[in-house]
């Protein structure tokens, strides 16, 4: 099984001009088939509460801070804090996630598959039975 981990992408630029970071398929553990972003999430809201059967993701906090708590079917948990736009979190398939956003955080996701509601596991108890 693949494990969640942080991936540092190179950046070019300077403090005086700004920076550019590029993620391209040749650098990734999967081919990007979908890109989405979330924003204006109130910081008191805990999001996520799901896993995916097959989807893999790399997630960035392009602005603000985002904290991910990931859990595998065995119950092992890891917490990752994203706060640098050139650091992505690789989330493999079959990891339950909860997500906390700072005020005005923007999450950018590179996903391995197009949207498919059937790929979602939205019930935690059902997720835990998939050992």
Protein backbone atom coordinates (compact mmCIF):
# COMPACT_ATOMS: atom_id res chain seq x y z
CA UNK A 1 0.00 0.00 0.00
CA UNK A 2 1.20 3.50 -0.78
CA UNK A 3 1.57 5.86 2.15
CA UNK A 4 0.72 9.56 2.43
CA UNK A 5 3.74 11.83 2.24
CA UNK A 6 4.76 15.37 1.46
CA UNK A 7 6.29 16.21 -1.92
CA UNK A 8 8.38 19.33 -2.34
CA UNK A 9 8.12 20.88 -5.80
CA UNK A 10 10.85 23.21 -6.96
CA UNK A 11 10.15 26.90 -7.16
CA UNK A 12 11.77 29.59 -9.26
CA UNK A 13 11.75 33.29 -8.64
CA UNK A 14 12.74 35.72 -5.95
CA UNK A 15 11.13 37.44 -3.00
CA UNK A 16 11.20 40.71 -4.95
CA UNK A 17 9.28 39.26 -7.94
CA UNK A 18 7.32 36.31 -6.62
CA UNK A 19 7.60 32.59 -7.29
CA UNK A 20 6.42 29.96 -9.75
CA UNK A 21 5.97 26.27 -9.01
CA UNK A 22 5.09 23.71 -11.70
CA UNK A 23 3.63 20.22 -11.28
CA UNK A 24 3.66 18.13 -14.43
CA UNK A 25 2.61 14.54 -15.03
CA UNK A 26 6.19 13.31 -15.51
CA UNK A 27 6.94 14.24 -11.87
CA UNK A 28 3.82 12.73 -10.31
CA UNK A 29 2.87 9.24 -9.08
CA UNK A 30 -0.20 9.37 -11.37
CA UNK A 31 -1.48 11.21 -14.44
CA UNK A 32 -3.68 14.22 -13.63
CA UNK A 33 -7.23 13.79 -14.88
CA UNK A 34 -8.95 16.44 -12.75
CA UNK A 35 -8.01 19.66 -10.97
CA UNK A 36 -10.20 21.43 -8.43
CA UNK A 37 -9.88 23.99 -5.68
CA UNK A 38 -11.84 24.94 -2.57
CA UNK A 39 -11.89 28.37 -0.96
CA UNK A 40 -13.81 30.58 1.50
CA UNK A 41 -14.20 27.60 3.85
CA UNK A 42 -15.01 28.95 7.32
CA UNK A 43 -12.23 28.04 9.76
CA UNK A 44 -14.72 26.54 12.21
CA UNK A 45 -15.86 23.96 9.63
CA UNK A 46 -14.22 20.53 9.56
CA UNK A 47 -14.39 19.16 5.99
CA UNK A 48 -13.52 15.88 4.33
CA UNK A 49 -15.18 12.99 6.17
CA UNK A 50 -14.62 10.55 3.30
CA UNK A 51 -12.16 8.24 1.57
CA UNK A 52 -11.80 7.02 -2.01
CA UNK A 53 -11.71 3.49 -3.37
CA UNK A 54 -9.35 4.30 -6.25
CA UNK A 55 -8.65 8.04 -6.43
CA UNK A 56 -5.17 9.39 -5.65
CA UNK A 57 -4.54 13.07 -4.97
CA UNK A 58 -1.84 15.64 -4.45
CA UNK A 59 -3.14 18.54 -2.41
CA UNK A 60 -1.64 22.00 -1.94
CA UNK A 61 -2.44 24.94 0.29
CA UNK A 62 -1.82 27.64 -2.30
CA UNK A 63 -2.85 30.19 0.32
CA UNK A 64 -3.25 29.94 4.07
CA UNK A 65 -2.87 26.81 6.17
CA UNK A 66 -4.67 23.48 5.81
CA UNK A 67 -4.37 20.59 8.27
CA UNK A 68 -5.13 17.07 7.07
CA UNK A 69 -5.69 14.12 9.37
CA UNK A 70 -5.47 10.88 7.40
CA UNK A 71 -6.42 7.42 8.65
CA UNK A 72 -5.91 4.05 7.00
CA UNK A 73 -8.32 1.11 7.38
CA UNK A 74 -6.17 -0.25 10.23
CA UNK A 75 -6.79 2.92 12.25
CA UNK A 76 -3.28 4.42 11.92
CA UNK A 77 -3.51 8.21 11.79
CA UNK A 78 -1.13 10.86 10.48
CA UNK A 79 -1.52 14.63 10.53
CA UNK A 80 -0.01 16.90 7.90
CA UNK A 81 0.05 20.69 7.87
CA UNK A 82 0.22 22.42 4.51
CA UNK A 83 1.26 26.07 4.54
CA UNK A 84 3.79 26.45 1.71
CA UNK A 85 2.41 26.52 -1.86
CA UNK A 86 5.26 24.41 -3.27
CA UNK A 87 4.65 21.51 -0.85
CA UNK A 88 2.02 18.97 -1.88
CA UNK A 89 0.48 16.17 0.16
CA UNK A 90 0.18 12.86 -1.67
CA UNK A 91 -3.01 11.10 -0.53
CA UNK A 92 -3.23 7.51 -1.80
CA UNK A 93 -6.46 5.60 -2.24
CA UNK A 94 -8.24 4.26 0.87
CA UNK A 95 -7.35 6.99 3.38
CA UNK A 96 -10.11 8.62 5.43
CA UNK A 97 -9.54 12.33 5.72
CA UNK A 98 -10.65 15.27 7.81
CA UNK A 99 -9.56 18.74 6.77
CA UNK A 100 -9.31 21.98 8.75
CA UNK A 101 -8.80 25.28 6.89
CA UNK A 102 -7.39 28.54 8.19
CA UNK A 103 -9.25 31.73 7.35
CA UNK A 104 -9.05 32.36 3.58
CA UNK A 105 -7.09 29.18 2.84
CA UNK A 106 -7.22 27.90 -0.73
CA UNK A 107 -6.86 24.16 -1.39
CA UNK A 108 -5.74 23.02 -4.85
CA UNK A 109 -6.10 19.33 -5.70
CA UNK A 110 -4.54 17.34 -8.53
CA UNK A 111 -6.56 14.14 -8.90
CA UNK A 112 -5.89 10.87 -10.69
CA UNK A 113 -9.47 10.40 -11.91
CA UNK A 114 -12.43 12.41 -13.05
CA UNK A 115 -15.26 12.87 -10.54
CA UNK A 116 -17.18 9.66 -9.81
CA UNK A 117 -19.55 9.58 -6.85
CA UNK A 118 -19.23 5.77 -6.75
CA UNK A 119 -15.55 6.13 -5.81
CA UNK A 120 -16.41 7.93 -2.56
CA UNK A 121 -16.69 6.16 0.79
CA UNK A 122 -18.74 8.57 2.87
CA UNK A 123 -19.63 6.36 5.85
CA UNK A 124 -16.82 5.94 8.38
CA UNK A 125 -18.11 2.61 9.71
CA UNK A 126 -18.25 1.21 6.17
CA UNK A 127 -14.69 2.44 5.59
CA UNK A 128 -13.47 0.60 8.69
CA UNK A 129 -14.92 -2.69 7.42
CA UNK A 130 -12.75 -2.57 4.27
CA UNK A 131 -9.62 -3.97 5.99
